[in-house]
Amino acid sequence: MNPTSGPILAAGFPLGSSAGLVTAFEWLGQPYRITRVDMLGEMRSDAYKRLNGRVETPVLITEAGQVITETMAIALWLEARDTERRISFEPGTRQADRLHQYLAFLNTGFTGAFYPMWVALEAQEATEGEKETLRKFGRQFVALRHAQLEAMMGDSDYLLGDRPTLADAVFAGVARWADFHQAIEPRDYPRILELRRRIEADPAFRFALAIEDGKPAIGSGAMTGLVPLEQVLRDTGGAAA
């Protein structure tokens, strides 16, 4: 790895939650690189399994070649490097505790609520009745988690005040799944809907979506280049996480 170009984020497509972390990197403004990972194809290869045996994205490869998996772990890695507190808060403060609370909820209950619907989509051997049962439970779980998040939110522009943080980035990467699965009526959750509209209009998130779609994009300048997945897998070797 070339440490002068920043860490590499392996971001999955299509509809990867990784788009949230790309948004966070853009808000942070420190150098980083991206390798795009086709989750329907190359992510399932033996070479990728040596990088992440759980066959998931995102994955972060640090300048030192350390491999870090799981959204929460990568978010905390970003927090530790946010010395200017652009996307986080001073450690030990009430705001920092609330940030961690939101991150934990979004990365577990909120994200996990969509799992039955993804299973229904990918379970090729399941009957239509079994798939519909999964979709039914998924819609119930997604609605419950949206109601809980709506109740947690205040009247500020973002989850934790008047500026976006890591929590908003993680939220944005997953919240769009509700549209894809037609899981809820967005107008039933006005605070969440307004937050989505605000983040989805943000240049950092638009940049993340363009990168996800493989389209030309101009970001903040923090992203120093796209790295082919083949190169990342070759350079990391057996450094699996």
C-alpha atoms as a PDB file:
ATOM      1  CA  MET A   1       0.000   0.000   0.000  1.00  0.00           C
ATOM      2  CA  ASN A   2       1.024   3.591  -0.602  1.00  0.00           C
ATOM      3  CA  PRO A   3       0.550   5.270   2.774  1.00  0.00           C
ATOM      4  CA  THR A   4       0.700   8.752   1.256  1.00  0.00           C
ATOM      5  CA  SER A   5      -2.586   8.210  -0.587  1.00  0.00           C
ATOM      6  CA  GLY A   6      -4.667   7.350   2.451  1.00  0.00           C
ATOM      7  CA  PRO A   7      -6.535   4.220   3.510  1.00  0.00           C
ATOM      8  CA  ILE A   8      -8.708   2.253   1.113  1.00  0.00           C
ATOM      9  CA  LEU A   9     -12.398   1.704   1.682  1.00  0.00           C
ATOM     10  CA  ALA A  10     -13.873  -1.341  -0.049  1.00  0.00           C
ATOM     11  CA  ALA A  11     -17.362  -0.101  -0.869  1.00  0.00           C
ATOM     12  CA  GLY A  12     -20.039  -2.478  -2.095  1.00  0.00           C
ATOM     13  CA  PHE A  13     -22.537  -1.968  -4.871  1.00  0.00           C
ATOM     14  CA  PRO A  14     -25.421  -2.029  -5.675  1.00  0.00           C
ATOM     15  CA  LEU A  15     -27.154  -0.330  -2.720  1.00  0.00           C
ATOM     16  CA  GLY A  16     -24.285  -0.929  -0.328  1.00  0.00           C
ATOM     17  CA  SER A  17     -24.391   0.519   3.157  1.00  0.00           C
ATOM     18  CA  SER A  18     -20.818   1.573   2.349  1.00  0.00           C
ATOM     19  CA  ALA A  19     -22.187   4.720   0.695  1.00  0.00           C
ATOM     20  CA  GLY A  20     -22.686   6.061   4.188  1.00  0.00           C
ATOM     21  CA  LEU A  21     -19.028   5.636   5.065  1.00  0.00           C
ATOM     22  CA  VAL A  22     -17.960   7.247   1.780  1.00  0.00           C
ATOM     23  CA  THR A  23     -20.133  10.194   2.804  1.00  0.00           C
ATOM     24  CA  ALA A  24     -18.421  10.269   6.202  1.00  0.00           C
ATOM     25  CA  PHE A  25     -14.979  10.258   4.589  1.00  0.00           C
ATOM     26  CA  GLU A  26     -16.041  13.188   2.421  1.00  0.00           C
ATOM     27  CA  TRP A  27     -17.299  15.140   5.435  1.00  0.00           C
ATOM     28  CA  LEU A  28     -14.099  14.326   7.325  1.00  0.00           C
ATOM     29  CA  GLY A  29     -11.938  15.676   4.508  1.00  0.00           C
ATOM     30  CA  GLN A  30      -8.870  13.489   5.056  1.00  0.00           C
ATOM     31  CA  PRO A  31      -7.245  11.563   2.159  1.00  0.00           C
ATOM     32  CA  TYR A  32      -8.704   8.177   1.321  1.00  0.00           C
ATOM     33  CA  ARG A  33      -9.179   5.856  -1.626  1.00  0.00           C
ATOM     34  CA  ILE A  34     -12.008   3.595  -2.753  1.00  0.00           C
ATOM     35  CA  THR A  35     -12.186   0.176  -4.314  1.00  0.00           C
ATOM     36  CA  ARG A  36     -15.594  -0.731  -5.698  1.00  0.00           C
ATOM     37  CA  VAL A  37     -16.836  -4.257  -4.918  1.00  0.00           C
ATOM     38  CA  ASP A  38     -19.608  -5.953  -6.883  1.00  0.00           C
ATOM     39  CA  MET A  39     -21.540  -7.653  -4.098  1.00  0.00           C
ATOM     40  CA  LEU A  40     -23.400  -9.888  -6.525  1.00  0.00           C
ATOM     41  CA  GLY A  41     -20.236 -11.194  -8.145  1.00  0.00           C
ATOM     42  CA  GLU A  42     -16.625 -10.558  -7.172  1.00  0.00           C
ATOM     43  CA  MET A  43     -17.413 -10.290  -3.454  1.00  0.00           C
ATOM     44  CA  ARG A  44     -18.205 -14.005  -3.512  1.00  0.00           C
ATOM     45  CA  SER A  45     -14.829 -14.992  -4.948  1.00  0.00           C
ATOM     46  CA  ASP A  46     -12.263 -17.000  -2.977  1.00  0.00           C
ATOM     47  CA  ALA A  47      -9.824 -14.089  -3.214  1.00  0.00           C
ATOM     48  CA  TYR A  48     -12.292 -11.740  -1.540  1.00  0.00           C
ATOM     49  CA  LYS A  49     -13.107 -14.316   1.133  1.00  0.00           C
ATOM     50  CA  ARG A  50      -9.449 -14.183   2.122  1.00  0.00           C
ATOM     51  CA  LEU A  51      -9.914 -10.454   2.729  1.00  0.00           C
ATOM     52  CA  ASN A  52     -13.188 -10.815   4.618  1.00  0.00           C
ATOM     53  CA  GLY A  53     -14.257 -14.349   5.393  1.00  0.00           C
ATOM     54  CA  ARG A  54     -17.788 -13.192   6.210  1.00  0.00           C
ATOM     55  CA  VAL A  55     -18.163 -12.066   2.572  1.00  0.00           C
ATOM     56  CA  GLU A  56     -19.381  -8.555   3.328  1.00  0.00           C
ATOM     57  CA  THR A  57     -18.625  -4.922   2.722  1.00  0.00           C
ATOM     58  CA  PRO A  58     -17.462  -2.439   3.869  1.00  0.00           C
ATOM     59  CA  VAL A  59     -13.829  -3.216   4.545  1.00  0.00           C
ATOM     60  CA  LEU A  60     -11.142  -0.676   5.405  1.00  0.00           C
ATOM     61  CA  ILE A  61      -7.485  -1.255   4.617  1.00  0.00           C
ATOM     62  CA  THR A  62      -5.387   1.188   6.595  1.00  0.00           C
ATOM     63  CA  GLU A  63      -2.152   2.831   5.438  1.00  0.00           C
ATOM     64  CA  ALA A  64      -0.277   0.172   7.420  1.00  0.00           C
ATOM     65  CA  GLY A  65      -2.142  -2.629   5.639  1.00  0.00           C
ATOM     66  CA  GLN A  66      -4.374  -3.523   8.579  1.00  0.00           C
ATOM     67  CA  VAL A  67      -7.772  -4.864   7.540  1.00  0.00           C
ATOM     68  CA  ILE A  68     -10.806  -3.605   9.478  1.00  0.00           C
ATOM     69  CA  THR A  69     -14.315  -4.929   8.869  1.00  0.00           C
ATOM     70  CA  GLU A  70     -17.782  -3.998  10.188  1.00  0.00           C
ATOM     71  CA  THR A  71     -19.363  -0.574   9.805  1.00  0.00           C
ATOM     72  CA  MET A  72     -19.222   0.181  13.532  1.00  0.00           C
ATOM     73  CA  ALA A  73     -15.501  -0.553  13.753  1.00  0.00           C
ATOM     74  CA  ILE A  74     -14.746   1.608  10.712  1.00  0.00           C
ATOM     75  CA  ALA A  75     -16.901   4.423  12.079  1.00  0.00           C
ATOM     76  CA  LEU A  76     -14.975   4.370  15.361  1.00  0.00           C
ATOM     77  CA  TRP A  77     -11.705   4.352  13.393  1.00  0.00           C
ATOM     78  CA  LEU A  78     -12.888   7.524  11.659  1.00  0.00           C
ATOM     79  CA  GLU A  79     -13.952   9.059  14.967  1.00  0.00           C
ATOM     80  CA  ALA A  80     -10.488   8.491  16.440  1.00  0.00           C
ATOM     81  CA  ARG A  81      -8.944  10.446  13.540  1.00  0.00           C
ATOM     82  CA  ASP A  82     -11.465  13.272  13.599  1.00  0.00           C
ATOM     83  CA  THR A  83      -9.236  15.636  15.566  1.00  0.00           C
ATOM     84  CA  GLU A  84     -11.085  18.683  14.233  1.00  0.00           C
ATOM     85  CA  ARG A  85     -14.415  17.151  15.334  1.00  0.00           C
ATOM     86  CA  ARG A  86     -16.058  17.568  11.973  1.00  0.00           C
ATOM     87  CA  ILE A  87     -18.178  14.417  12.255  1.00  0.00           C
ATOM     88  CA  SER A  88     -17.931  13.491  15.936  1.00  0.00           C
ATOM     89  CA  PHE A  89     -17.623  14.982  19.419  1.00  0.00           C
ATOM     90  CA  GLU A  90     -15.039  15.269  22.159  1.00  0.00           C
ATOM     91  CA  PRO A  91     -14.568  11.851  23.814  1.00  0.00           C
ATOM     92  CA  GLY A  92     -16.245  11.499  27.178  1.00  0.00           C
ATOM     93  CA  THR A  93     -18.905  14.126  26.551  1.00  0.00           C
ATOM     94  CA  ARG A  94     -22.638  13.520  26.603  1.00  0.00           C
ATOM     95  CA  GLN A  95     -22.758  14.231  22.870  1.00  0.00           C
ATOM     96  CA  ALA A  96     -20.134  11.555  22.208  1.00  0.00           C
ATOM     97  CA  ASP A  97     -22.169   9.066  24.225  1.00  0.00           C
ATOM     98  CA  ARG A  98     -25.290   9.933  22.219  1.00  0.00           C
ATOM     99  CA  LEU A  99     -23.349   9.539  18.976  1.00  0.00           C
ATOM    100  CA  HIS A 100     -22.333   6.026  20.017  1.00  0.00           C
ATOM    101  CA  GLN A 101     -25.925   5.262  21.008  1.00  0.00           C
ATOM    102  CA  TYR A 102     -27.181   6.260  17.561  1.00  0.00           C
ATOM    103  CA  LEU A 103     -24.400   4.381  15.800  1.00  0.00           C
ATOM    104  CA  ALA A 104     -25.140   1.214  17.759  1.00  0.00           C
ATOM    105  CA  PHE A 105     -28.873   1.408  17.077  1.00  0.00           C
ATOM    106  CA  LEU A 106     -28.448   2.166  13.394  1.00  0.00           C
ATOM    107  CA  ASN A 107     -25.848  -0.559  12.893  1.00  0.00           C
ATOM    108  CA  THR A 108     -27.851  -3.247  14.697  1.00  0.00           C
ATOM    109  CA  GLY A 109     -31.614  -2.866  15.008  1.00  0.00           C
ATOM    110  CA  PHE A 110     -32.203  -0.439  12.160  1.00  0.00           C
ATOM    111  CA  THR A 111     -29.972  -2.200   9.637  1.00  0.00           C
ATOM    112  CA  GLY A 112     -30.912  -5.677  10.816  1.00  0.00           C
ATOM    113  CA  ALA A 113     -34.622  -4.992  10.312  1.00  0.00           C
ATOM    114  CA  PHE A 114     -34.103  -5.262   6.558  1.00  0.00           C
ATOM    115  CA  TYR A 115     -32.495  -8.704   6.775  1.00  0.00           C
ATOM    116  CA  PRO A 116     -35.671 -10.772   6.145  1.00  0.00           C
ATOM    117  CA  MET A 117     -36.369  -8.750   3.009  1.00  0.00           C
ATOM    118  CA  TRP A 118     -32.871  -9.289   1.647  1.00  0.00           C
ATOM    119  CA  VAL A 119     -33.199 -13.021   2.376  1.00  0.00           C
ATOM    120  CA  ALA A 120     -36.507 -13.091   0.505  1.00  0.00           C
ATOM    121  CA  LEU A 121     -34.841 -11.428  -2.452  1.00  0.00           C
ATOM    122  CA  GLU A 122     -31.854 -13.768  -2.562  1.00  0.00           C
ATOM    123  CA  ALA A 123     -33.394 -17.102  -1.463  1.00  0.00           C
ATOM    124  CA  GLN A 124     -33.641 -18.808  -4.840  1.00  0.00           C
ATOM    125  CA  GLU A 125     -34.898 -22.118  -3.442  1.00  0.00           C
ATOM    126  CA  ALA A 126     -37.619 -20.601  -1.249  1.00  0.00           C
ATOM    127  CA  THR A 127     -41.254 -20.854  -2.292  1.00  0.00           C
ATOM    128  CA  GLU A 128     -43.236 -17.706  -3.015  1.00  0.00           C
ATOM    129  CA  GLY A 129     -45.170 -18.282   0.198  1.00  0.00           C
ATOM    130  CA  GLU A 130     -41.953 -18.435   2.207  1.00  0.00           C
ATOM    131  CA  LYS A 131     -40.684 -15.289   0.538  1.00  0.00           C
ATOM    132  CA  GLU A 132     -43.883 -13.423   1.286  1.00  0.00           C
ATOM    133  CA  THR A 133     -43.657 -14.462   4.942  1.00  0.00           C
ATOM    134  CA  LEU A 134     -40.129 -13.060   5.080  1.00  0.00           C
ATOM    135  CA  ARG A 135     -41.255  -9.836   3.398  1.00  0.00           C
ATOM    136  CA  LYS A 136     -44.149  -9.515   5.849  1.00  0.00           C
ATOM    137  CA  PHE A 137     -41.881  -9.856   8.878  1.00  0.00           C
ATOM    138  CA  GLY A 138     -39.371  -7.526   7.265  1.00  0.00           C
ATOM    139  CA  ARG A 139     -41.963  -4.799   6.758  1.00  0.00           C
ATOM    140  CA  GLN A 140     -43.032  -5.126  10.391  1.00  0.00           C
ATOM    141  CA  PHE A 141     -39.453  -4.906  11.650  1.00  0.00           C
ATOM    142  CA  VAL A 142     -38.590  -1.949   9.404  1.00  0.00           C
ATOM    143  CA  ALA A 143     -41.717  -0.068  10.491  1.00  0.00           C
ATOM    144  CA  LEU A 144     -40.910  -0.720  14.154  1.00  0.00           C
ATOM    145  CA  ARG A 145     -37.344   0.548  13.826  1.00  0.00           C
ATOM    146  CA  HIS A 146     -38.477   3.619  11.900  1.00  0.00           C
ATOM    147  CA  ALA A 147     -40.985   4.409  14.639  1.00  0.00           C
ATOM    148  CA  GLN A 148     -38.296   3.991  17.281  1.00  0.00           C
ATOM    149  CA  LEU A 149     -35.842   6.210  15.420  1.00  0.00           C
ATOM    150  CA  GLU A 150     -38.544   8.828  14.826  1.00  0.00           C
ATOM    151  CA  ALA A 151     -39.172   8.890  18.588  1.00  0.00           C
ATOM    152  CA  MET A 152     -35.439   9.257  19.336  1.00  0.00           C
ATOM    153  CA  MET A 153     -35.019  12.269  17.069  1.00  0.00           C
ATOM    154  CA  GLY A 154     -35.366  15.857  18.149  1.00  0.00           C
ATOM    155  CA  ASP A 155     -36.195  18.909  16.057  1.00  0.00           C
ATOM    156  CA  SER A 156     -32.649  19.641  14.912  1.00  0.00           C
ATOM    157  CA  ASP A 157     -31.544  19.462  11.279  1.00  0.00           C
ATOM    158  CA  TYR A 158     -29.520  16.293  11.878  1.00  0.00           C
ATOM    159  CA  LEU A 159     -29.590  13.430  14.355  1.00  0.00           C
ATOM    160  CA  LEU A 160     -27.278  15.174  16.803  1.00  0.00           C
ATOM    161  CA  GLY A 161     -27.655  18.866  16.167  1.00  0.00           C
ATOM    162  CA  ASP A 162     -27.213  21.361  13.374  1.00  0.00           C
ATOM    163  CA  ARG A 163     -24.410  19.558  11.527  1.00  0.00           C
ATOM    164  CA  PRO A 164     -24.054  16.047  10.125  1.00  0.00           C
ATOM    165  CA  THR A 165     -22.064  13.423  12.008  1.00  0.00           C
ATOM    166  CA  LEU A 166     -21.063   9.800  11.628  1.00  0.00           C
ATOM    167  CA  ALA A 167     -24.557   8.836  12.756  1.00  0.00           C
ATOM    168  CA  ASP A 168     -26.155  10.660   9.835  1.00  0.00           C
ATOM    169  CA  ALA A 169     -23.728   9.019   7.423  1.00  0.00           C
ATOM    170  CA  VAL A 170     -24.454   5.495   8.673  1.00  0.00           C
ATOM    171  CA  PHE A 171     -28.172   6.264   8.577  1.00  0.00           C
ATOM    172  CA  ALA A 172     -28.034   7.523   4.987  1.00  0.00           C
ATOM    173  CA  GLY A 173     -26.287   4.417   3.686  1.00  0.00           C
ATOM    174  CA  VAL A 174     -29.115   2.176   4.905  1.00  0.00           C
ATOM    175  CA  ALA A 175     -32.253   4.349   4.930  1.00  0.00           C
ATOM    176  CA  ARG A 176     -32.692   4.145   1.143  1.00  0.00           C
ATOM    177  CA  TRP A 177     -33.297   0.393   1.448  1.00  0.00           C
ATOM    178  CA  ALA A 178     -36.822   1.226   2.612  1.00  0.00           C
ATOM    179  CA  ASP A 179     -37.583   2.588  -0.856  1.00  0.00           C
ATOM    180  CA  PHE A 180     -36.020  -0.362  -2.651  1.00  0.00           C
ATOM    181  CA  HIS A 181     -38.069  -2.873  -0.656  1.00  0.00           C
ATOM    182  CA  GLN A 182     -41.166  -0.636  -0.473  1.00  0.00           C
ATOM    183  CA  ALA A 183     -41.137  -1.468   3.211  1.00  0.00           C
ATOM    184  CA  ILE A 184     -42.881   1.606   4.641  1.00  0.00           C
ATOM    185  CA  GLU A 185     -44.818   4.709   3.715  1.00  0.00           C
ATOM    186  CA  PRO A 186     -42.122   7.404   4.140  1.00  0.00           C
ATOM    187  CA  ARG A 187     -44.672  10.108   4.995  1.00  0.00           C
ATOM    188  CA  ASP A 188     -45.554   8.182   8.158  1.00  0.00           C
ATOM    189  CA  TYR A 189     -42.172   9.245   9.565  1.00  0.00           C
ATOM    190  CA  PRO A 190     -41.863  12.985   8.834  1.00  0.00           C
ATOM    191  CA  ARG A 191     -38.676  13.611  10.808  1.00  0.00           C
ATOM    192  CA  ILE A 192     -36.888  10.737   9.113  1.00  0.00           C
ATOM    193  CA  LEU A 193     -38.188  11.820   5.727  1.00  0.00           C
ATOM    194  CA  GLU A 194     -36.907  15.360   6.211  1.00  0.00           C
ATOM    195  CA  LEU A 195     -33.509  14.078   7.371  1.00  0.00           C
ATOM    196  CA  ARG A 196     -33.261  11.838   4.327  1.00  0.00           C
ATOM    197  CA  ARG A 197     -34.084  14.710   2.008  1.00  0.00           C
ATOM    198  CA  ARG A 198     -31.477  16.893   3.648  1.00  0.00           C
ATOM    199  CA  ILE A 199     -28.685  14.301   3.444  1.00  0.00           C
ATOM    200  CA  GLU A 200     -29.612  13.101  -0.026  1.00  0.00           C
ATOM    201  CA  ALA A 201     -29.195  16.683  -1.262  1.00  0.00           C
ATOM    202  CA  ASP A 202     -25.733  16.908   0.330  1.00  0.00           C
ATOM    203  CA  PRO A 203     -22.842  16.924  -2.199  1.00  0.00           C
ATOM    204  CA  ALA A 204     -20.964  14.303  -0.178  1.00  0.00           C
ATOM    205  CA  PHE A 205     -23.811  11.804  -0.386  1.00  0.00           C
ATOM    206  CA  ARG A 206     -24.417  12.546  -4.060  1.00  0.00           C
ATOM    207  CA  PHE A 207     -20.723  11.870  -4.639  1.00  0.00           C
ATOM    208  CA  ALA A 208     -20.990   8.560  -2.767  1.00  0.00           C
ATOM    209  CA  LEU A 209     -23.915   7.468  -4.941  1.00  0.00           C
ATOM    210  CA  ALA A 210     -22.120   8.432  -8.136  1.00  0.00           C
ATOM    211  CA  ILE A 211     -19.081   6.380  -7.110  1.00  0.00           C
ATOM    212  CA  GLU A 212     -21.387   3.491  -6.237  1.00  0.00           C
ATOM    213  CA  ASP A 213     -22.951   3.686  -9.704  1.00  0.00           C
ATOM    214  CA  GLY A 214     -19.558   3.910 -11.427  1.00  0.00           C
ATOM    215  CA  LYS A 215     -20.268   7.386 -12.769  1.00  0.00           C
ATOM    216  CA  PRO A 216     -17.873  10.351 -13.038  1.00  0.00           C
ATOM    217  CA  ALA A 217     -18.035  12.405  -9.867  1.00  0.00           C
ATOM    218  CA  ILE A 218     -16.359  15.376  -8.235  1.00  0.00           C
ATOM    219  CA  GLY A 219     -16.132  15.258  -4.465  1.00  0.00           C
ATOM    220  CA  SER A 220     -14.443  17.327  -1.797  1.00  0.00           C
ATOM    221  CA  GLY A 221     -10.980  16.369  -3.025  1.00  0.00           C
ATOM    222  CA  ALA A 222     -10.362  14.001  -0.119  1.00  0.00           C
ATOM    223  CA  MET A 223     -10.783  10.916  -2.318  1.00  0.00           C
ATOM    224  CA  THR A 224      -7.394  10.513  -3.994  1.00  0.00           C
ATOM    225  CA  GLY A 225      -8.244   7.713  -6.388  1.00  0.00           C
ATOM    226  CA  LEU A 226     -10.083   4.539  -7.278  1.00  0.00           C
ATOM    227  CA  VAL A 227      -8.087   1.346  -6.767  1.00  0.00           C
ATOM    228  CA  PRO A 228      -8.951  -1.846  -8.703  1.00  0.00           C
ATOM    229  CA  LEU A 229     -10.163  -4.596  -6.404  1.00  0.00           C
ATOM    230  CA  GLU A 230      -7.685  -6.997  -7.980  1.00  0.00           C
ATOM    231  CA  GLN A 231      -4.830  -4.775  -6.830  1.00  0.00           C
ATOM    232  CA  VAL A 232      -6.225  -4.501  -3.309  1.00  0.00           C
ATOM    233  CA  LEU A 233      -6.600  -8.265  -3.015  1.00  0.00           C
ATOM    234  CA  ARG A 234      -3.104  -8.816  -4.362  1.00  0.00           C
ATOM    235  CA  ASP A 235      -1.503  -6.239  -2.057  1.00  0.00           C
ATOM    236  CA  THR A 236      -3.296  -7.370   1.094  1.00  0.00           C
ATOM    237  CA  GLY A 237      -2.435 -11.031   0.487  1.00  0.00           C
ATOM    238  CA  GLY A 238      -3.603 -13.079   3.444  1.00  0.00           C
ATOM    239  CA  ALA A 239      -4.337 -10.095   5.700  1.00  0.00           C
ATOM    240  CA  ALA A 240      -7.877 -11.243   6.398  1.00  0.00           C
ATOM    241  CA  ALA A 241     -10.174  -9.923   9.116  1.00  0.00           C
END
